[in-house]
Amino acid sequence: MTHYSIIPEETVFEGCEAFAPDYMELEVNGIMMQVERLNGFQARIVRIYSGNALDYTNPRYAPGSLLEFQPLFK
């Protein structure tokens, strides 16, 4: 990767090593996706894995969208 900037390289990439998101894969309505867990009841969509082009046009499953989980009690 080539990066041209007047900002020092140390400043641009500061904190890069400490970035460790909590990713997990799950299936929602038949669509496999990678999500970042935010807390016990929410996750943010990172990407979807689908062969169906219509899944990518659904704003509900756009990267950055939030998913809400309901707690399950047994």
PDB file of N, CA and C in Angstrom:
ATOM      1  N   MET A   1       0.845  -1.168   0.000  1.00  0.00           N
ATOM      2  CA  MET A   1       0.000   0.000   0.000  1.00  0.00           C
ATOM      3  C   MET A   1       0.891   1.232   0.000  1.00  0.00           C
ATOM      4  N   THR A   2       0.589   2.179  -0.849  1.00  0.00           N
ATOM      5  CA  THR A   2       1.311   3.442  -0.898  1.00  0.00           C
ATOM      6  C   THR A   2       0.443   4.516  -0.264  1.00  0.00           C
ATOM      7  N   HIS A   3       1.031   5.268   0.636  1.00  0.00           N
ATOM      8  CA  HIS A   3       0.286   6.306   1.349  1.00  0.00           C
ATOM      9  C   HIS A   3       1.099   7.599   1.269  1.00  0.00           C
ATOM     10  N   TYR A   4       0.577   8.576   0.568  1.00  0.00           N
ATOM     11  CA  TYR A   4       1.239   9.880   0.447  1.00  0.00           C
ATOM     12  C   TYR A   4       0.547  10.872   1.379  1.00  0.00           C
ATOM     13  N   SER A   5       1.295  11.443   2.283  1.00  0.00           N
ATOM     14  CA  SER A   5       0.722  12.396   3.233  1.00  0.00           C
ATOM     15  C   SER A   5       1.833  13.227   3.864  1.00  0.00           C
ATOM     16  N   ILE A   6       1.462  14.427   4.303  1.00  0.00           N
ATOM     17  CA  ILE A   6       2.417  15.248   5.039  1.00  0.00           C
ATOM     18  C   ILE A   6       2.383  14.896   6.524  1.00  0.00           C
ATOM     19  N   ILE A   7       1.385  14.110   6.930  1.00  0.00           N
ATOM     20  CA  ILE A   7       1.275  13.685   8.323  1.00  0.00           C
ATOM     21  C   ILE A   7       2.251  12.535   8.546  1.00  0.00           C
ATOM     22  N   PRO A   8       2.999  12.555   9.634  1.00  0.00           N
ATOM     23  CA  PRO A   8       3.975  11.492   9.891  1.00  0.00           C
ATOM     24  C   PRO A   8       3.315  10.115   9.976  1.00  0.00           C
ATOM     25  N   GLU A   9       4.032   9.122   9.509  1.00  0.00           N
ATOM     26  CA  GLU A   9       3.539   7.745   9.491  1.00  0.00           C
ATOM     27  C   GLU A   9       3.131   7.268  10.885  1.00  0.00           C
ATOM     28  N   GLU A  10       3.862   7.667  11.910  1.00  0.00           N
ATOM     29  CA  GLU A  10       3.556   7.253  13.286  1.00  0.00           C
ATOM     30  C   GLU A  10       2.185   7.779  13.721  1.00  0.00           C
ATOM     31  N   THR A  11       1.833   8.968  13.280  1.00  0.00           N
ATOM     32  CA  THR A  11       0.541   9.559  13.634  1.00  0.00           C
ATOM     33  C   THR A  11      -0.594   8.882  12.875  1.00  0.00           C
ATOM     34  N   VAL A  12      -0.389   8.606  11.609  1.00  0.00           N
ATOM     35  CA  VAL A  12      -1.426   7.985  10.787  1.00  0.00           C
ATOM     36  C   VAL A  12      -1.792   6.608  11.309  1.00  0.00           C
ATOM     37  N   PHE A  13      -0.801   5.807  11.651  1.00  0.00           N
ATOM     38  CA  PHE A  13      -1.042   4.430  12.068  1.00  0.00           C
ATOM     39  C   PHE A  13      -1.048   4.231  13.576  1.00  0.00           C
ATOM     40  N   GLU A  14      -1.156   5.319  14.329  1.00  0.00           N
ATOM     41  CA  GLU A  14      -1.168   5.241  15.790  1.00  0.00           C
ATOM     42  C   GLU A  14      -2.389   4.459  16.271  1.00  0.00           C
ATOM     43  N   GLY A  15      -2.172   3.492  17.137  1.00  0.00           N
ATOM     44  CA  GLY A  15      -3.257   2.707  17.703  1.00  0.00           C
ATOM     45  C   GLY A  15      -3.703   1.548  16.826  1.00  0.00           C
ATOM     46  N   CYS A  16      -3.087   1.375  15.696  1.00  0.00           N
ATOM     47  CA  CYS A  16      -3.448   0.307  14.757  1.00  0.00           C
ATOM     48  C   CYS A  16      -3.277  -1.075  15.391  1.00  0.00           C
ATOM     49  N   GLU A  17      -2.240  -1.268  16.165  1.00  0.00           N
ATOM     50  CA  GLU A  17      -1.978  -2.567  16.773  1.00  0.00           C
ATOM     51  C   GLU A  17      -2.989  -2.914  17.850  1.00  0.00           C
ATOM     52  N   ALA A  18      -3.568  -1.919  18.486  1.00  0.00           N
ATOM     53  CA  ALA A  18      -4.504  -2.157  19.576  1.00  0.00           C
ATOM     54  C   ALA A  18      -5.920  -2.434  19.083  1.00  0.00           C
ATOM     55  N   PHE A  19      -6.188  -2.269  17.802  1.00  0.00           N
ATOM     56  CA  PHE A  19      -7.519  -2.491  17.251  1.00  0.00           C
ATOM     57  C   PHE A  19      -7.802  -3.987  17.194  1.00  0.00           C
ATOM     58  N   ALA A  20      -8.740  -4.456  18.005  1.00  0.00           N
ATOM     59  CA  ALA A  20      -9.088  -5.879  18.050  1.00  0.00           C
ATOM     60  C   ALA A  20     -10.600  -6.013  18.222  1.00  0.00           C
ATOM     61  N   PRO A  21     -11.366  -5.858  17.152  1.00  0.00           N
ATOM     62  CA  PRO A  21     -12.817  -5.956  17.278  1.00  0.00           C
ATOM     63  C   PRO A  21     -13.268  -7.390  17.566  1.00  0.00           C
ATOM     64  N   ASP A  22     -14.435  -7.523  18.149  1.00  0.00           N
ATOM     65  CA  ASP A  22     -15.008  -8.813  18.503  1.00  0.00           C
ATOM     66  C   ASP A  22     -15.940  -9.251  17.375  1.00  0.00           C
ATOM     67  N   TYR A  23     -15.387  -9.902  16.341  1.00  0.00           N
ATOM     68  CA  TYR A  23     -16.177 -10.335  15.198  1.00  0.00           C
ATOM     69  C   TYR A  23     -16.723 -11.735  15.426  1.00  0.00           C
ATOM     70  N   MET A  24     -17.880 -11.988  14.859  1.00  0.00           N
ATOM     71  CA  MET A  24     -18.445 -13.325  14.845  1.00  0.00           C
ATOM     72  C   MET A  24     -19.290 -13.479  13.597  1.00  0.00           C
ATOM     73  N   GLU A  25     -19.504 -14.700  13.161  1.00  0.00           N
ATOM     74  CA  GLU A  25     -20.328 -14.965  11.991  1.00  0.00           C
ATOM     75  C   GLU A  25     -21.637 -15.566  12.444  1.00  0.00           C
ATOM     76  N   LEU A  26     -22.722 -15.126  11.821  1.00  0.00           N
ATOM     77  CA  LEU A  26     -24.030 -15.679  12.133  1.00  0.00           C
ATOM     78  C   LEU A  26     -24.927 -15.609  10.907  1.00  0.00           C
ATOM     79  N   GLU A  27     -26.032 -16.319  10.987  1.00  0.00           N
ATOM     80  CA  GLU A  27     -26.989 -16.357   9.890  1.00  0.00           C
ATOM     81  C   GLU A  27     -28.270 -15.660  10.328  1.00  0.00           C
ATOM     82  N   VAL A  28     -28.708 -14.689   9.522  1.00  0.00           N
ATOM     83  CA  VAL A  28     -29.935 -13.947   9.805  1.00  0.00           C
ATOM     84  C   VAL A  28     -30.825 -14.062   8.578  1.00  0.00           C
ATOM     85  N   ASN A  29     -32.001 -14.631   8.752  1.00  0.00           N
ATOM     86  CA  ASN A  29     -32.956 -14.814   7.655  1.00  0.00           C
ATOM     87  C   ASN A  29     -32.318 -15.479   6.437  1.00  0.00           C
ATOM     88  N   GLY A  30     -31.483 -16.483   6.674  1.00  0.00           N
ATOM     89  CA  GLY A  30     -30.857 -17.232   5.595  1.00  0.00           C
ATOM     90  C   GLY A  30     -29.634 -16.568   4.981  1.00  0.00           C
ATOM     91  N   ILE A  31     -29.183 -15.435   5.533  1.00  0.00           N
ATOM     92  CA  ILE A  31     -28.024 -14.715   5.001  1.00  0.00           C
ATOM     93  C   ILE A  31     -26.881 -14.808   6.008  1.00  0.00           C
ATOM     94  N   MET A  32     -25.760 -15.389   5.562  1.00  0.00           N
ATOM     95  CA  MET A  32     -24.582 -15.443   6.421  1.00  0.00           C
ATOM     96  C   MET A  32     -23.919 -14.072   6.430  1.00  0.00           C
ATOM     97  N   MET A  33     -23.493 -13.640   7.604  1.00  0.00           N
ATOM     98  CA  MET A  33     -22.850 -12.335   7.728  1.00  0.00           C
ATOM     99  C   MET A  33     -21.832 -12.338   8.845  1.00  0.00           C
ATOM    100  N   GLN A  34     -20.906 -11.397   8.740  1.00  0.00           N
ATOM    101  CA  GLN A  34     -19.923 -11.156   9.785  1.00  0.00           C
ATOM    102  C   GLN A  34     -20.382  -9.917  10.529  1.00  0.00           C
ATOM    103  N   VAL A  35     -20.442 -10.012  11.849  1.00  0.00           N
ATOM    104  CA  VAL A  35     -20.897  -8.889  12.669  1.00  0.00           C
ATOM    105  C   VAL A  35     -19.871  -8.592  13.756  1.00  0.00           C
ATOM    106  N   GLU A  36     -19.909  -7.378  14.231  1.00  0.00           N
ATOM    107  CA  GLU A  36     -19.073  -6.955  15.362  1.00  0.00           C
ATOM    108  C   GLU A  36     -19.987  -6.796  16.560  1.00  0.00           C
ATOM    109  N   ARG A  37     -19.745  -7.589  17.580  1.00  0.00           N
ATOM    110  CA  ARG A  37     -20.585  -7.503  18.780  1.00  0.00           C
ATOM    111  C   ARG A  37     -20.309  -6.201  19.510  1.00  0.00           C
ATOM    112  N   LEU A  38     -21.374  -5.487  19.835  1.00  0.00           N
ATOM    113  CA  LEU A  38     -21.239  -4.227  20.564  1.00  0.00           C
ATOM    114  C   LEU A  38     -21.515  -4.442  22.037  1.00  0.00           C
ATOM    115  N   ASN A  39     -22.550  -5.196  22.330  1.00  0.00           N
ATOM    116  CA  ASN A  39     -22.885  -5.567  23.702  1.00  0.00           C
ATOM    117  C   ASN A  39     -23.691  -6.856  23.642  1.00  0.00           C
ATOM    118  N   GLY A  40     -24.343  -7.232  24.709  1.00  0.00           N
ATOM    119  CA  GLY A  40     -25.089  -8.481  24.731  1.00  0.00           C
ATOM    120  C   GLY A  40     -26.334  -8.490  23.870  1.00  0.00           C
ATOM    121  N   PHE A  41     -26.801  -7.332  23.427  1.00  0.00           N
ATOM    122  CA  PHE A  41     -28.058  -7.262  22.697  1.00  0.00           C
ATOM    123  C   PHE A  41     -27.948  -6.603  21.331  1.00  0.00           C
ATOM    124  N   GLN A  42     -26.753  -6.135  20.948  1.00  0.00           N
ATOM    125  CA  GLN A  42     -26.594  -5.458  19.665  1.00  0.00           C
ATOM    126  C   GLN A  42     -25.310  -5.899  18.966  1.00  0.00           C
ATOM    127  N   ALA A  43     -25.371  -5.857  17.630  1.00  0.00           N
ATOM    128  CA  ALA A  43     -24.194  -6.133  16.808  1.00  0.00           C
ATOM    129  C   ALA A  43     -24.276  -5.251  15.569  1.00  0.00           C
ATOM    130  N   ARG A  44     -23.124  -4.886  15.027  1.00  0.00           N
ATOM    131  CA  ARG A  44     -23.054  -4.069  13.809  1.00  0.00           C
ATOM    132  C   ARG A  44     -22.601  -4.970  12.659  1.00  0.00           C
ATOM    133  N   ILE A  45     -23.295  -4.897  11.522  1.00  0.00           N
ATOM    134  CA  ILE A  45     -22.945  -5.710  10.365  1.00  0.00           C
ATOM    135  C   ILE A  45     -21.650  -5.183   9.748  1.00  0.00           C
ATOM    136  N   VAL A  46     -20.689  -6.085   9.554  1.00  0.00           N
ATOM    137  CA  VAL A  46     -19.417  -5.743   8.922  1.00  0.00           C
ATOM    138  C   VAL A  46     -19.487  -6.080   7.440  1.00  0.00           C
ATOM    139  N   ARG A  47     -19.951  -7.299   7.120  1.00  0.00           N
ATOM    140  CA  ARG A  47     -20.089  -7.733   5.720  1.00  0.00           C
ATOM    141  C   ARG A  47     -21.076  -8.878   5.655  1.00  0.00           C
ATOM    142  N   ILE A  48     -21.639  -9.094   4.468  1.00  0.00           N
ATOM    143  CA  ILE A  48     -22.505 -10.245   4.261  1.00  0.00           C
ATOM    144  C   ILE A  48     -21.860 -11.160   3.232  1.00  0.00           C
ATOM    145  N   TYR A  49     -22.146 -12.456   3.381  1.00  0.00           N
ATOM    146  CA  TYR A  49     -21.657 -13.473   2.449  1.00  0.00           C
ATOM    147  C   TYR A  49     -22.886 -14.059   1.773  1.00  0.00           C
ATOM    148  N   SER A  50     -23.131 -13.686   0.539  1.00  0.00           N
ATOM    149  CA  SER A  50     -24.324 -14.172  -0.145  1.00  0.00           C
ATOM    150  C   SER A  50     -24.070 -14.245  -1.641  1.00  0.00           C
ATOM    151  N   GLY A  51     -24.665 -15.236  -2.260  1.00  0.00           N
ATOM    152  CA  GLY A  51     -24.597 -15.345  -3.707  1.00  0.00           C
ATOM    153  C   GLY A  51     -25.761 -14.654  -4.388  1.00  0.00           C
ATOM    154  N   ASN A  52     -26.718 -14.189  -3.597  1.00  0.00           N
ATOM    155  CA  ASN A  52     -27.897 -13.522  -4.127  1.00  0.00           C
ATOM    156  C   ASN A  52     -27.642 -12.008  -4.169  1.00  0.00           C
ATOM    157  N   ALA A  53     -27.668 -11.429  -5.355  1.00  0.00           N
ATOM    158  CA  ALA A  53     -27.392  -9.996  -5.516  1.00  0.00           C
ATOM    159  C   ALA A  53     -28.425  -9.123  -4.810  1.00  0.00           C
ATOM    160  N   LEU A  54     -29.643  -9.604  -4.666  1.00  0.00           N
ATOM    161  CA  LEU A  54     -30.677  -8.808  -4.001  1.00  0.00           C
ATOM    162  C   LEU A  54     -30.392  -8.610  -2.511  1.00  0.00           C
ATOM    163  N   ASP A  55     -29.652  -9.525  -1.905  1.00  0.00           N
ATOM    164  CA  ASP A  55     -29.299  -9.365  -0.487  1.00  0.00           C
ATOM    165  C   ASP A  55     -28.420  -8.141  -0.270  1.00  0.00           C
ATOM    166  N   TYR A  56     -27.596  -7.801  -1.258  1.00  0.00           N
ATOM    167  CA  TYR A  56     -26.698  -6.660  -1.141  1.00  0.00           C
ATOM    168  C   TYR A  56     -27.422  -5.330  -1.326  1.00  0.00           C
ATOM    169  N   THR A  57     -28.603  -5.355  -1.947  1.00  0.00           N
ATOM    170  CA  THR A  57     -29.358  -4.113  -2.151  1.00  0.00           C
ATOM    171  C   THR A  57     -30.344  -3.853  -1.025  1.00  0.00           C
ATOM    172  N   ASN A  58     -30.491  -4.789  -0.101  1.00  0.00           N
ATOM    173  CA  ASN A  58     -31.408  -4.622   1.023  1.00  0.00           C
ATOM    174  C   ASN A  58     -30.754  -3.722   2.074  1.00  0.00           C
ATOM    175  N   PRO A  59     -31.301  -2.525   2.312  1.00  0.00           N
ATOM    176  CA  PRO A  59     -30.676  -1.599   3.275  1.00  0.00           C
ATOM    177  C   PRO A  59     -30.665  -2.140   4.698  1.00  0.00           C
ATOM    178  N   ARG A  60     -31.491  -3.115   4.978  1.00  0.00           N
ATOM    179  CA  ARG A  60     -31.533  -3.717   6.306  1.00  0.00           C
ATOM    180  C   ARG A  60     -30.235  -4.449   6.641  1.00  0.00           C
ATOM    181  N   TYR A  61     -29.568  -4.958   5.600  1.00  0.00           N
ATOM    182  CA  TYR A  61     -28.351  -5.731   5.801  1.00  0.00           C
ATOM    183  C   TYR A  61     -27.108  -5.009   5.296  1.00  0.00           C
ATOM    184  N   ALA A  62     -27.165  -3.714   5.172  1.00  0.00           N
ATOM    185  CA  ALA A  62     -26.018  -2.927   4.709  1.00  0.00           C
ATOM    186  C   ALA A  62     -24.947  -2.885   5.805  1.00  0.00           C
ATOM    187  N   PRO A  63     -23.681  -2.904   5.422  1.00  0.00           N
ATOM    188  CA  PRO A  63     -22.621  -2.769   6.423  1.00  0.00           C
ATOM    189  C   PRO A  63     -22.801  -1.495   7.245  1.00  0.00           C
ATOM    190  N   GLY A  64     -22.663  -1.644   8.555  1.00  0.00           N
ATOM    191  CA  GLY A  64     -22.866  -0.524   9.468  1.00  0.00           C
ATOM    192  C   GLY A  64     -24.229  -0.549  10.132  1.00  0.00           C
ATOM    193  N   SER A  65     -25.162  -1.327   9.583  1.00  0.00           N
ATOM    194  CA  SER A  65     -26.499  -1.434  10.181  1.00  0.00           C
ATOM    195  C   SER A  65     -26.415  -2.204  11.486  1.00  0.00           C
ATOM    196  N   LEU A  66     -27.314  -1.877  12.401  1.00  0.00           N
ATOM    197  CA  LEU A  66     -27.338  -2.544  13.700  1.00  0.00           C
ATOM    198  C   LEU A  66     -28.367  -3.659  13.719  1.00  0.00           C
ATOM    199  N   LEU A  67     -28.008  -4.749  14.372  1.00  0.00           N
ATOM    200  CA  LEU A  67     -28.924  -5.852  14.617  1.00  0.00           C
ATOM    201  C   LEU A  67     -29.251  -5.870  16.094  1.00  0.00           C
ATOM    202  N   GLU A  68     -30.497  -6.100  16.410  1.00  0.00           N
ATOM    203  CA  GLU A  68     -30.931  -6.198  17.805  1.00  0.00           C
ATOM    204  C   GLU A  68     -31.187  -7.664  18.128  1.00  0.00           C
ATOM    205  N   PHE A  69     -30.704  -8.133  19.251  1.00  0.00           N
ATOM    206  CA  PHE A  69     -30.935  -9.502  19.696  1.00  0.00           C
ATOM    207  C   PHE A  69     -31.941  -9.499  20.827  1.00  0.00           C
ATOM    208  N   GLN A  70     -32.720 -10.538  20.901  1.00  0.00           N
ATOM    209  CA  GLN A  70     -33.644 -10.714  22.005  1.00  0.00           C
ATOM    210  C   GLN A  70     -33.053 -11.800  22.917  1.00  0.00           C
ATOM    211  N   PRO A  71     -33.046 -11.576  24.220  1.00  0.00           N
ATOM    212  CA  PRO A  71     -32.500 -12.601  25.119  1.00  0.00           C
ATOM    213  C   PRO A  71     -33.408 -13.831  25.120  1.00  0.00           C
ATOM    214  N   LEU A  72     -32.781 -15.003  25.188  1.00  0.00           N
ATOM    215  CA  LEU A  72     -33.530 -16.250  25.259  1.00  0.00           C
ATOM    216  C   LEU A  72     -33.460 -16.776  26.684  1.00  0.00           C
ATOM    217  N   PHE A  73     -34.616 -17.053  27.238  1.00  0.00           N
ATOM    218  CA  PHE A  73     -34.675 -17.603  28.597  1.00  0.00           C
ATOM    219  C   PHE A  73     -35.169 -19.035  28.519  1.00  0.00           C
ATOM    220  N   LYS A  74     -34.531 -19.919  29.244  1.00  0.00           N
ATOM    221  CA  LYS A  74     -34.942 -21.334  29.250  1.00  0.00           C
ATOM    222  C   LYS A  74     -35.610 -21.670  30.545  1.00  0.00           C
TER     223      LYS A  74
END
